[in-house]
């Protein structure tokens, strides 16, 4: 009887530390971890697609600066809009990844009370005389931005 009572007391003392809800800090850390994993997964999808498409020489593109959650949310929104172009239907998985990534970064920014603007409006569809070039350029822009974001992942902790 004494052993059962002792075990019950130990269980009651230890239980609050084991069954608590995650703190806001834990939630933010988990979200950042998920954002990083989605970005890495997207880069794998891009590399597989580039191999499949037999992409030629590298096109140099400049990536916007990464200052914090506000700028990352905006740039991912722009890339998401660009991936909705009718010329990029081959990039549907990449579009799904970037859209998910943008949503998670936006949610993180809102959780940490960072200012975020509305999602950028999609560009008006214009006739593209070089759809293959447009596809490759879009793919490279997304790849370069995600690589830069991963190098600056500490910026996911600031507005």
Foldseek 3Di string as FASTA:
>chain_A
DVVVVVVVVVCVVPVVVVPDDDDLVRVLVVLLVVLLVLLVVLLVVLVVVCVVVVDDDDDDDDADDQQALQVVLAVLLQLLLLCPAPLNPVCVVSSVSSVVSSVSSVVSCVSVVHDHDPRDDHDDHDDDPCSVVSNNVSSVRSNVHSVNCSVVSVRHVDD
